[in-house]
């Protein structure tokens, strides 16, 4: 009898302990969930993004909290480069800016120019010449030619440089120049190049190329910064030639993927704007390598006789800046347009200010046109963008879907006066999470050339209005679109 009582007491004690542990575990779990949601709320980000994170954390807490730690923590108030170092890195480009003769900013663009200067010291430069490349077949031979002619230095900052035939061809060209004594520096994004084996970069280092990854993700020190990536694509050669645009170095920009060729845009710039590209690279190089490069020979005087008033600003933005400068530039350009706004982007997941500005322009009678890919390389993002595109169409904008390949270009042109091209997509990730760079050009000739590029792409596109299933999707499709749109602030 005593044995049975003892067993009963033991079982009751065990059950009590398990029950107590369960209660403690559940309580701790709810405390963690509540604390994480409070952290999201206290960050004072956009309400849509706050609600999206709160819902994900509440309904799928384990996955939601892990994703928030990796991809959700806001670093906008941090400074990656001290103000003193930034001032030193800006000094040379400031000197070149002051030395410009007969410099004048078109009056209609003065406020935008001042906006970029006040926000991030993105200085405007005149006397520029631009070449526009719309595919890899035109861009890469020109890049390799410029690399071959380099005498002093080559600077590259890329989201991706693949270990494929094209990546190795460019790597061989860089190695050859490094062995000739040319300074070669490469910044690559650690996450963008996750699939690239370390031996690819070690081969470059062994040959004398200085290589540095941007925000390498090592658990747990950089866990919360895995979401903040260097999406910039910029190249400087000898301080006299610069490239800005949407192309990485990968074979798909030449051959495409599957049956889809890739359509992208890259600008080759000579003239004063190269100082702005150089400054952008050297600021990032200081961040990744802690080497302060400010020598005058990185900002050489131009011997070319190009004299014009093609004014260009190289504008950078990132999650550690006080404001999303490139997004602000887009909003201001859209609201200032009086005749037309033509936009190309591979992903259309805009935040509220950009979407509202585009709809306001369209409703106000401005000819708003946007080209996105008919078939995206990211299926989930493609579904999430459909309701946004339909909403823009319903406001009176003309939406086109590029069907001659994958549209990867990121550009906008307005009123035959302003054009911009760079690495920035029209999505929340580019505006808020990524480090991006765009060239803003205040010049009628450049705008007209980019307008022609857009109209050529439009001729290879189908209007959204001609796709009934996109305009009036069935219930299940509309439901899935709405669900993917709900989490679009997190994509």
Protein backbone atom coordinates (compact mmCIF):
# COMPACT_ATOMS: atom_id res chain seq x y z
CA UNK A 1 0.00 0.00 0.00
CA UNK A 2 2.77 2.38 0.95
CA UNK A 3 4.43 1.52 -2.34
CA UNK A 4 1.32 2.54 -4.30
CA UNK A 5 1.04 5.81 -2.39
CA UNK A 6 4.71 6.52 -3.01
CA UNK A 7 4.30 5.84 -6.75
CA UNK A 8 1.22 8.05 -6.89
CA UNK A 9 3.03 10.87 -5.12
CA UNK A 10 6.00 10.48 -7.48
CA UNK A 11 3.71 10.61 -10.54
CA UNK A 12 1.86 13.62 -9.15
CA UNK A 13 5.16 15.37 -8.44
CA UNK A 14 6.45 14.61 -11.94
CA UNK A 15 3.24 15.85 -13.53
CA UNK A 16 3.37 18.95 -11.38
CA UNK A 17 6.95 19.62 -12.41
CA UNK A 18 6.13 19.11 -16.09
CA UNK A 19 3.10 21.35 -15.71
CA UNK A 20 5.16 23.99 -13.98
CA UNK A 21 7.86 23.80 -16.63
CA UNK A 22 5.20 24.03 -19.33
CA UNK A 23 3.68 27.11 -17.72
CA UNK A 24 7.11 28.70 -17.34
CA UNK A 25 7.99 27.86 -20.97
CA UNK A 26 4.74 29.27 -22.31
CA UNK A 27 5.13 32.40 -20.17
CA UNK A 28 8.69 32.95 -21.37
CA UNK A 29 7.62 32.39 -24.98
CA UNK A 30 4.88 35.02 -24.68
CA UNK A 31 7.29 37.41 -22.98
CA UNK A 32 9.76 36.98 -25.88
CA UNK A 33 6.99 37.40 -28.46
CA UNK A 34 5.60 40.48 -26.71
CA UNK A 35 9.08 42.00 -26.26
CA UNK A 36 9.90 41.48 -29.96
CA UNK A 37 6.60 43.04 -31.07
CA UNK A 38 7.19 45.98 -28.73
CA UNK A 39 10.68 46.39 -30.26
CA UNK A 40 9.07 46.48 -33.73
CA UNK A 41 6.48 49.05 -32.61
CA UNK A 42 9.01 51.26 -30.83
CA UNK A 43 11.11 51.48 -33.98
CA UNK A 44 8.48 53.84 -35.46
CA UNK A 45 8.84 52.59 -39.01
CA UNK A 46 6.05 52.66 -41.59
CA UNK A 47 2.76 51.31 -40.12
CA UNK A 48 2.38 48.75 -42.95
CA UNK A 49 5.84 47.33 -42.26
CA UNK A 50 5.26 47.38 -38.50
CA UNK A 51 1.97 45.48 -38.88
CA UNK A 52 3.53 42.96 -41.27
CA UNK A 53 6.33 42.14 -38.83
CA UNK A 54 3.95 42.04 -35.84
CA UNK A 55 1.59 39.61 -37.62
CA UNK A 56 4.40 37.31 -38.72
CA UNK A 57 5.93 37.27 -35.20
CA UNK A 58 2.53 36.66 -33.55
CA UNK A 59 1.23 33.88 -35.81
CA UNK A 60 4.50 32.06 -36.56
CA UNK A 61 6.65 33.17 -33.60
CA UNK A 62 9.68 30.89 -33.97
CA UNK A 63 10.18 31.57 -37.67
CA UNK A 64 9.06 35.19 -37.30
CA UNK A 65 11.50 36.05 -34.51
CA UNK A 66 14.42 34.36 -36.31
CA UNK A 67 13.59 36.26 -39.51
CA UNK A 68 13.28 39.50 -37.57
CA UNK A 69 16.71 39.03 -35.98
CA UNK A 70 18.24 38.40 -39.39
CA UNK A 71 16.24 40.73 -41.60
CA UNK A 72 14.14 43.13 -39.57
CA UNK A 73 16.23 45.16 -37.12
CA UNK A 74 16.53 48.76 -38.25
CA UNK A 75 20.07 50.19 -38.45
CA UNK A 76 19.19 53.57 -39.99
CA UNK A 77 20.39 55.49 -36.94
CA UNK A 78 23.84 53.89 -37.02
CA UNK A 79 26.88 55.50 -38.66
CA UNK A 80 29.23 53.24 -40.57
CA UNK A 81 31.69 56.04 -41.31
CA UNK A 82 32.48 58.88 -38.88
CA UNK A 83 31.66 62.43 -39.94
CA UNK A 84 35.34 63.40 -39.69
CA UNK A 85 36.37 60.63 -42.08
CA UNK A 86 33.48 61.45 -44.39
CA UNK A 87 34.60 65.07 -44.51
CA UNK A 88 38.12 64.01 -45.47
CA UNK A 89 36.82 61.68 -48.18
CA UNK A 90 34.61 64.47 -49.54
CA UNK A 91 37.32 67.15 -49.56
CA UNK A 92 38.80 66.27 -52.97
CA UNK A 93 35.47 66.04 -54.75
CA UNK A 94 34.44 69.32 -53.08
CA UNK A 95 37.60 70.97 -54.45
CA UNK A 96 36.83 69.71 -57.94
CA UNK A 97 33.26 70.99 -57.57
CA UNK A 98 34.45 74.47 -56.59
CA UNK A 99 36.90 74.56 -59.52
CA UNK A 100 34.10 74.21 -62.11
CA UNK A 101 33.83 77.22 -64.37
CA UNK A 102 30.57 78.61 -65.77
CA UNK A 103 28.64 76.09 -63.69
CA UNK A 104 24.90 76.55 -63.58
CA UNK A 105 22.09 74.32 -62.42
CA UNK A 106 18.88 74.38 -64.48
CA UNK A 107 16.43 76.43 -62.42
CA UNK A 108 13.68 73.80 -62.60
CA UNK A 109 16.00 71.25 -60.96
CA UNK A 110 17.62 73.50 -58.37
CA UNK A 111 15.57 72.21 -55.43
CA UNK A 112 16.34 68.57 -56.24
CA UNK A 113 20.04 69.34 -56.63
CA UNK A 114 20.01 71.14 -53.28
CA UNK A 115 18.13 68.24 -51.70
CA UNK A 116 20.92 65.79 -52.57
CA UNK A 117 23.65 68.23 -51.52
CA UNK A 118 22.02 68.91 -48.16
CA UNK A 119 21.25 65.27 -47.44
CA UNK A 120 24.53 63.58 -48.31
CA UNK A 121 26.89 66.06 -49.99
CA UNK A 122 26.14 64.51 -53.38
CA UNK A 123 27.71 67.24 -55.49
CA UNK A 124 26.63 68.12 -59.06
CA UNK A 125 29.23 68.17 -61.84
CA UNK A 126 29.04 69.52 -65.39
CA UNK A 127 30.91 68.71 -68.62
CA UNK A 128 29.83 65.08 -68.80
CA UNK A 129 29.56 62.62 -71.66
CA UNK A 130 27.39 59.50 -71.29
CA UNK A 131 27.22 56.26 -73.25
CA UNK A 132 24.15 54.06 -72.71
CA UNK A 133 24.48 50.26 -72.85
CA UNK A 134 21.32 48.15 -72.91
CA UNK A 135 22.83 44.65 -72.91
CA UNK A 136 25.94 42.78 -71.87
CA UNK A 137 27.15 42.37 -75.46
CA UNK A 138 27.75 46.12 -75.64
CA UNK A 139 28.79 46.75 -72.04
CA UNK A 140 31.39 44.09 -71.26
CA UNK A 141 33.69 44.61 -74.30
CA UNK A 142 33.78 48.33 -73.48
CA UNK A 143 34.55 47.59 -69.82
CA UNK A 144 37.35 45.19 -70.75
CA UNK A 145 38.76 47.80 -73.15
CA UNK A 146 38.80 50.42 -70.38
CA UNK A 147 40.43 47.98 -67.96
CA UNK A 148 43.13 47.21 -70.53
CA UNK A 149 43.89 50.95 -70.88
CA UNK A 150 44.09 51.59 -67.10
CA UNK A 151 47.35 53.21 -65.98
CA UNK A 152 46.93 53.99 -62.29
CA UNK A 153 43.92 52.37 -60.60
CA UNK A 154 40.75 50.32 -61.13
CA UNK A 155 37.95 50.40 -58.55
CA UNK A 156 34.96 48.05 -58.70
CA UNK A 157 31.99 47.75 -56.34
CA UNK A 158 29.52 45.03 -57.26
CA UNK A 159 26.67 43.12 -55.71
CA UNK A 160 27.66 39.99 -57.65
CA UNK A 161 30.75 38.84 -59.52
CA UNK A 162 30.18 35.25 -60.54
CA UNK A 163 32.76 32.49 -60.81
CA UNK A 164 31.72 31.77 -64.38
CA UNK A 165 33.32 32.28 -67.80
CA UNK A 166 32.66 36.03 -67.84
CA UNK A 167 33.61 36.54 -64.20
CA UNK A 168 36.91 34.76 -64.78
CA UNK A 169 37.55 36.75 -67.95
CA UNK A 170 37.18 40.00 -65.99
CA UNK A 171 39.23 38.53 -63.13
CA UNK A 172 42.04 37.65 -65.55
CA UNK A 173 42.00 41.22 -66.89
CA UNK A 174 42.21 42.63 -63.35
CA UNK A 175 45.03 40.25 -62.43
CA UNK A 176 46.96 41.26 -65.55
CA UNK A 177 46.69 44.95 -64.62
CA UNK A 178 47.62 44.31 -60.99
CA UNK A 179 50.80 42.56 -62.14
CA UNK A 180 51.61 45.63 -64.24
CA UNK A 181 51.52 47.72 -61.07
CA UNK A 182 48.03 49.19 -61.45
CA UNK A 183 46.14 49.51 -58.15
CA UNK A 184 43.08 47.27 -58.31
CA UNK A 185 40.42 47.28 -55.57
CA UNK A 186 37.23 45.21 -55.50
CA UNK A 187 34.29 45.37 -53.10
CA UNK A 188 31.77 42.54 -53.41
CA UNK A 189 28.65 41.87 -51.40
CA UNK A 190 29.07 38.89 -49.11
CA UNK A 191 25.48 37.66 -49.44
CA UNK A 192 25.25 38.40 -53.17
CA UNK A 193 28.36 36.25 -53.69
CA UNK A 194 27.48 33.44 -51.27
CA UNK A 195 27.63 30.90 -54.10
CA UNK A 196 31.07 32.09 -55.22
CA UNK A 197 33.84 29.93 -53.79
CA UNK A 198 36.53 31.65 -51.71
CA UNK A 199 39.20 30.38 -54.13
CA UNK A 200 37.90 32.81 -56.76
CA UNK A 201 38.69 35.80 -54.56
CA UNK A 202 41.90 34.25 -53.22
CA UNK A 203 43.20 34.00 -56.78
CA UNK A 204 42.66 37.74 -57.14
CA UNK A 205 44.33 38.48 -53.80
CA UNK A 206 47.34 36.31 -54.60
CA UNK A 207 47.87 38.36 -57.76
CA UNK A 208 47.87 41.66 -55.89
CA UNK A 209 44.21 42.71 -56.19
CA UNK A 210 42.84 44.20 -52.97
CA UNK A 211 39.54 42.44 -52.31
CA UNK A 212 37.08 43.17 -49.51
CA UNK A 213 33.61 41.75 -48.79
CA UNK A 214 30.83 44.11 -47.74
CA UNK A 215 29.25 43.29 -44.35
CA UNK A 216 30.28 39.62 -44.22
CA UNK A 217 27.65 37.56 -42.43
CA UNK A 218 29.20 35.58 -39.59
CA UNK A 219 26.93 34.17 -36.93
CA UNK A 220 26.14 35.82 -34.59
CA UNK A 221 28.07 39.11 -34.89
CA UNK A 222 26.50 40.27 -38.16
CA UNK A 223 23.26 38.29 -37.87
CA UNK A 224 21.00 41.33 -37.73
CA UNK A 225 22.72 42.94 -40.72
CA UNK A 226 22.22 40.05 -43.15
CA UNK A 227 19.32 42.00 -44.62
CA UNK A 228 21.37 45.13 -45.37
CA UNK A 229 23.25 44.47 -48.57
CA UNK A 230 25.55 46.42 -50.88
CA UNK A 231 23.46 46.40 -54.06
CA UNK A 232 25.59 49.09 -55.75
CA UNK A 233 27.18 48.59 -59.16
CA UNK A 234 29.87 51.16 -59.84
CA UNK A 235 33.27 51.12 -61.48
CA UNK A 236 36.01 53.78 -61.71
CA UNK A 237 39.08 53.58 -63.95
CA UNK A 238 41.95 56.04 -63.45
CA UNK A 239 39.48 58.56 -62.06
CA UNK A 240 38.42 59.55 -65.59
CA UNK A 241 35.95 56.82 -66.59
CA UNK A 242 33.04 55.69 -64.46
CA UNK A 243 30.21 53.17 -64.78
CA UNK A 244 26.86 53.21 -62.97
CA UNK A 245 23.82 51.05 -63.61
CA UNK A 246 22.15 47.72 -63.01
CA UNK A 247 24.62 45.16 -64.37
CA UNK A 248 26.68 42.84 -62.22
CA UNK A 249 29.47 40.74 -63.69
CA UNK A 250 27.83 37.45 -64.57
CA UNK A 251 27.33 35.45 -67.75
CA UNK A 252 23.53 35.76 -67.54
CA UNK A 253 23.83 39.42 -68.57
CA UNK A 254 25.11 38.12 -71.92
CA UNK A 255 23.47 34.73 -72.39
CA UNK A 256 20.38 35.22 -70.24
CA UNK A 257 18.81 32.49 -68.13
CA UNK A 258 16.99 29.60 -69.76
CA UNK A 259 15.22 31.02 -72.79
CA UNK A 260 15.16 34.55 -71.39
CA UNK A 261 17.77 37.12 -72.44
CA UNK A 262 18.46 39.80 -69.83
CA UNK A 263 17.64 43.40 -70.65
CA UNK A 264 19.54 45.88 -68.46
CA UNK A 265 20.96 49.40 -68.57
CA UNK A 266 24.46 50.63 -67.75
CA UNK A 267 25.92 54.12 -68.16
CA UNK A 268 29.54 54.85 -69.02
CA UNK A 269 30.38 58.37 -67.84
CA UNK A 270 33.36 60.59 -68.54
CA UNK A 271 33.61 64.07 -67.08
CA UNK A 272 33.13 65.69 -63.72
CA UNK A 273 30.58 63.14 -62.47
CA UNK A 274 33.36 60.55 -62.19
CA UNK A 275 34.49 62.49 -59.09
CA UNK A 276 31.13 61.60 -57.52
CA UNK A 277 31.49 57.92 -58.42
CA UNK A 278 35.03 57.93 -57.04
CA UNK A 279 33.89 59.48 -53.77
CA UNK A 280 31.13 56.87 -53.42
CA UNK A 281 33.63 54.05 -53.88
CA UNK A 282 36.27 55.48 -51.54
CA UNK A 283 33.72 56.04 -48.76
CA UNK A 284 32.70 52.37 -49.06
CA UNK A 285 36.33 51.27 -49.28
CA UNK A 286 37.07 53.06 -46.03
CA UNK A 287 34.16 51.22 -44.42
CA UNK A 288 35.25 47.74 -45.57
CA UNK A 289 39.04 48.21 -45.32
CA UNK A 290 39.52 51.17 -42.93
CA UNK A 291 41.98 52.72 -45.38
CA UNK A 292 41.47 56.44 -45.90
CA UNK A 293 42.30 57.27 -49.54
CA UNK A 294 42.23 61.01 -50.28
CA UNK A 295 45.21 61.65 -52.59
CA UNK A 296 44.74 64.17 -55.38
CA UNK A 297 45.67 61.74 -58.16
CA UNK A 298 42.42 59.84 -57.56
CA UNK A 299 40.66 63.02 -58.75
CA UNK A 300 42.69 64.00 -61.84
CA UNK A 301 41.98 67.05 -63.92
CA UNK A 302 40.33 66.18 -67.19
CA UNK A 303 42.33 66.77 -70.33
CA UNK A 304 39.32 66.26 -72.59
CA UNK A 305 37.76 69.33 -74.16
CA UNK A 306 34.17 68.30 -73.40
CA UNK A 307 32.37 71.49 -72.40
CA UNK A 308 28.65 71.28 -71.85
CA UNK A 309 26.04 71.77 -69.20
CA UNK A 310 25.17 68.10 -68.84
CA UNK A 311 24.89 68.18 -65.04
CA UNK A 312 25.13 64.86 -63.17
CA UNK A 313 24.79 63.99 -59.48
CA UNK A 314 25.90 60.61 -58.14
CA UNK A 315 23.53 59.85 -55.28
CA UNK A 316 23.94 57.05 -52.76
CA UNK A 317 21.47 55.81 -50.17
CA UNK A 318 21.51 53.14 -47.52
CA UNK A 319 19.90 51.90 -44.30
CA UNK A 320 22.33 53.91 -42.14
CA UNK A 321 21.56 57.27 -43.77
CA UNK A 322 19.18 59.64 -41.99
CA UNK A 323 16.82 59.70 -44.97
CA UNK A 324 16.29 57.47 -48.05
CA UNK A 325 17.81 59.97 -50.49
CA UNK A 326 17.20 58.11 -53.75
CA UNK A 327 13.56 57.48 -52.82
CA UNK A 328 13.18 61.19 -52.04
CA UNK A 329 14.63 61.99 -55.46
CA UNK A 330 12.13 59.69 -57.16
CA UNK A 331 9.19 61.22 -55.29
CA UNK A 332 10.30 64.77 -56.07
CA UNK A 333 10.88 63.99 -59.76
CA UNK A 334 7.49 62.28 -60.07
CA UNK A 335 5.59 65.13 -58.43
CA UNK A 336 7.49 67.74 -60.48
CA UNK A 337 6.70 66.08 -63.82
CA UNK A 338 4.20 67.91 -66.03
CA UNK A 339 4.09 65.84 -69.25
CA UNK A 340 5.35 62.32 -68.79
CA UNK A 341 7.06 59.84 -66.43
CA UNK A 342 8.58 56.68 -67.92
CA UNK A 343 9.88 54.04 -65.51
CA UNK A 344 11.55 50.64 -65.90
CA UNK A 345 12.05 48.32 -62.94
CA UNK A 346 12.36 44.54 -62.50
CA UNK A 347 10.44 44.57 -59.20
CA UNK A 348 7.51 46.86 -58.41
CA UNK A 349 6.84 46.73 -54.66
CA UNK A 350 6.74 50.46 -53.89
CA UNK A 351 6.32 52.01 -50.48
CA UNK A 352 3.38 54.32 -49.87
CA UNK A 353 5.08 57.63 -50.80
CA UNK A 354 6.24 56.39 -54.23
CA UNK A 355 2.97 54.63 -55.06
CA UNK A 356 0.96 57.69 -53.97
CA UNK A 357 3.17 60.02 -56.05
CA UNK A 358 2.77 57.87 -59.19
CA UNK A 359 -1.01 57.61 -58.72
CA UNK A 360 -1.29 61.35 -58.07
CA UNK A 361 0.63 62.12 -61.26
CA UNK A 362 -1.50 59.72 -63.30
CA UNK A 363 -4.79 61.04 -61.94
CA UNK A 364 -3.52 64.58 -62.61
CA UNK A 365 -3.14 63.87 -66.32
CA UNK A 366 0.59 63.14 -66.50
CA UNK A 367 1.47 60.34 -68.94
CA UNK A 368 2.73 57.73 -66.49
CA UNK A 369 4.13 54.55 -68.01
CA UNK A 370 5.94 51.69 -66.32
CA UNK A 371 7.59 48.60 -67.77
CA UNK A 372 8.13 45.49 -65.65
CA UNK A 373 9.02 41.95 -66.72
CA UNK A 374 6.26 39.63 -67.90
CA UNK A 375 8.16 36.76 -66.27
CA UNK A 376 10.20 37.62 -63.22
CA UNK A 377 13.19 35.73 -61.82
CA UNK A 378 11.48 35.77 -58.39
CA UNK A 379 8.04 34.14 -58.49
CA UNK A 380 6.92 35.27 -55.02
CA UNK A 381 7.90 38.88 -55.76
CA UNK A 382 6.12 38.65 -59.11
CA UNK A 383 2.85 37.70 -57.41
CA UNK A 384 3.27 40.40 -54.76
CA UNK A 385 3.72 43.10 -57.41
CA UNK A 386 0.57 42.29 -59.38
CA UNK A 387 -1.90 44.11 -57.14
CA UNK A 388 0.37 47.19 -57.09
CA UNK A 389 0.53 47.25 -60.89
CA UNK A 390 -3.22 46.81 -61.17
CA UNK A 391 -3.76 49.64 -58.69
CA UNK A 392 -1.51 51.89 -60.77
CA UNK A 393 -3.38 50.88 -63.92
CA UNK A 394 -6.71 51.73 -62.29
CA UNK A 395 -5.35 55.22 -61.49
CA UNK A 396 -4.80 55.84 -65.21
CA UNK A 397 -1.16 54.85 -65.65
CA UNK A 398 -0.11 52.68 -68.58
CA UNK A 399 1.47 49.43 -67.39
CA UNK A 400 3.51 47.29 -69.78
CA UNK A 401 5.04 43.85 -69.27
CA UNK A 402 8.30 43.23 -71.14
CA UNK A 403 8.11 39.94 -73.03
CA UNK A 404 11.40 39.88 -74.98
CA UNK A 405 13.31 38.61 -71.94
CA UNK A 406 13.81 39.52 -68.30
CA UNK A 407 13.62 43.26 -67.68
CA UNK A 408 16.34 44.06 -65.11
CA UNK A 409 16.84 47.77 -65.94
CA UNK A 410 16.33 50.39 -63.23
CA UNK A 411 15.73 53.79 -64.80
CA UNK A 412 13.34 56.74 -65.06
CA UNK A 413 13.01 59.68 -67.45
CA UNK A 414 10.66 62.67 -67.17
CA UNK A 415 9.64 65.60 -69.39
CA UNK A 416 12.69 65.39 -71.73
CA UNK A 417 14.68 66.97 -68.89
CA UNK A 418 15.57 64.58 -66.06
CA UNK A 419 16.79 61.00 -66.19
CA UNK A 420 18.14 58.59 -63.62
CA UNK A 421 19.72 55.16 -63.82
CA UNK A 422 21.45 52.98 -61.27
CA UNK A 423 21.03 50.01 -58.99
CA UNK A 424 17.76 51.06 -57.32
CA UNK A 425 14.62 49.01 -57.93
CA UNK A 426 11.19 50.47 -57.24
CA UNK A 427 10.73 48.36 -54.15
CA UNK A 428 10.93 48.75 -50.40
CA UNK A 429 14.15 46.75 -50.18
CA UNK A 430 16.05 49.15 -52.44
CA UNK A 431 14.58 52.25 -50.81
CA UNK A 432 15.12 51.19 -47.19
CA UNK A 433 17.34 48.13 -46.77
CA UNK A 434 20.01 48.12 -49.48
CA UNK A 435 23.01 50.34 -50.14
CA UNK A 436 22.24 51.76 -53.59
CA UNK A 437 23.66 54.26 -56.09
CA UNK A 438 21.98 56.20 -58.91
CA UNK A 439 23.12 58.87 -61.33
CA UNK A 440 20.66 61.76 -61.71
CA UNK A 441 21.21 63.59 -64.98
CA UNK A 442 19.81 67.05 -65.73
CA UNK A 443 20.20 67.21 -69.50
CA UNK A 444 17.73 67.21 -72.39
CA UNK A 445 19.93 65.22 -74.76
CA UNK A 446 20.42 62.37 -72.28
CA UNK A 447 16.71 62.37 -71.41
CA UNK A 448 15.74 62.07 -75.07
CA UNK A 449 18.13 59.16 -75.57
CA UNK A 450 16.79 57.34 -72.52
CA UNK A 451 13.23 58.08 -73.66
CA UNK A 452 14.01 56.31 -76.95
CA UNK A 453 15.37 53.31 -75.02
CA UNK A 454 12.10 53.18 -73.08
CA UNK A 455 9.93 53.40 -76.21
CA UNK A 456 11.98 50.64 -77.87
CA UNK A 457 11.36 48.46 -74.81
CA UNK A 458 7.68 49.37 -74.87
CA UNK A 459 7.46 48.04 -78.42
CA UNK A 460 8.67 44.68 -77.04
CA UNK A 461 6.08 44.68 -74.25
CA UNK A 462 2.43 43.82 -73.85
CA UNK A 463 0.00 46.18 -72.15
CA UNK A 464 -1.46 44.98 -68.86
CA UNK A 465 -4.90 45.94 -70.21
CA UNK A 466 -4.54 43.17 -72.82
CA UNK A 467 -4.23 40.47 -70.13
CA UNK A 468 -7.74 39.84 -68.74
CA UNK A 469 -6.54 37.42 -66.07
CA UNK A 470 -4.17 40.05 -64.71
CA UNK A 471 -6.83 42.80 -64.75
CA UNK A 472 -9.59 40.61 -63.26
CA UNK A 473 -7.95 37.61 -61.59
CA UNK A 474 -10.01 34.77 -60.19
CA UNK A 475 -10.76 34.61 -56.47
CA UNK A 476 -7.90 32.29 -55.51
CA UNK A 477 -5.39 34.30 -57.54
CA UNK A 478 -6.59 37.56 -56.01
CA UNK A 479 -6.42 36.03 -52.53
CA UNK A 480 -2.84 34.85 -53.12
CA UNK A 481 -1.90 38.27 -54.50
CA UNK A 482 -3.31 39.91 -51.37
CA UNK A 483 -1.46 37.52 -49.07
CA UNK A 484 1.86 38.09 -50.84
CA UNK A 485 1.23 41.86 -50.82
CA UNK A 486 0.69 41.68 -47.06
CA UNK A 487 4.30 40.56 -46.55
CA UNK A 488 5.72 42.67 -49.41
CA UNK A 489 7.19 45.23 -46.93
CA UNK A 490 9.43 42.41 -45.70
CA UNK A 491 10.65 41.22 -49.15
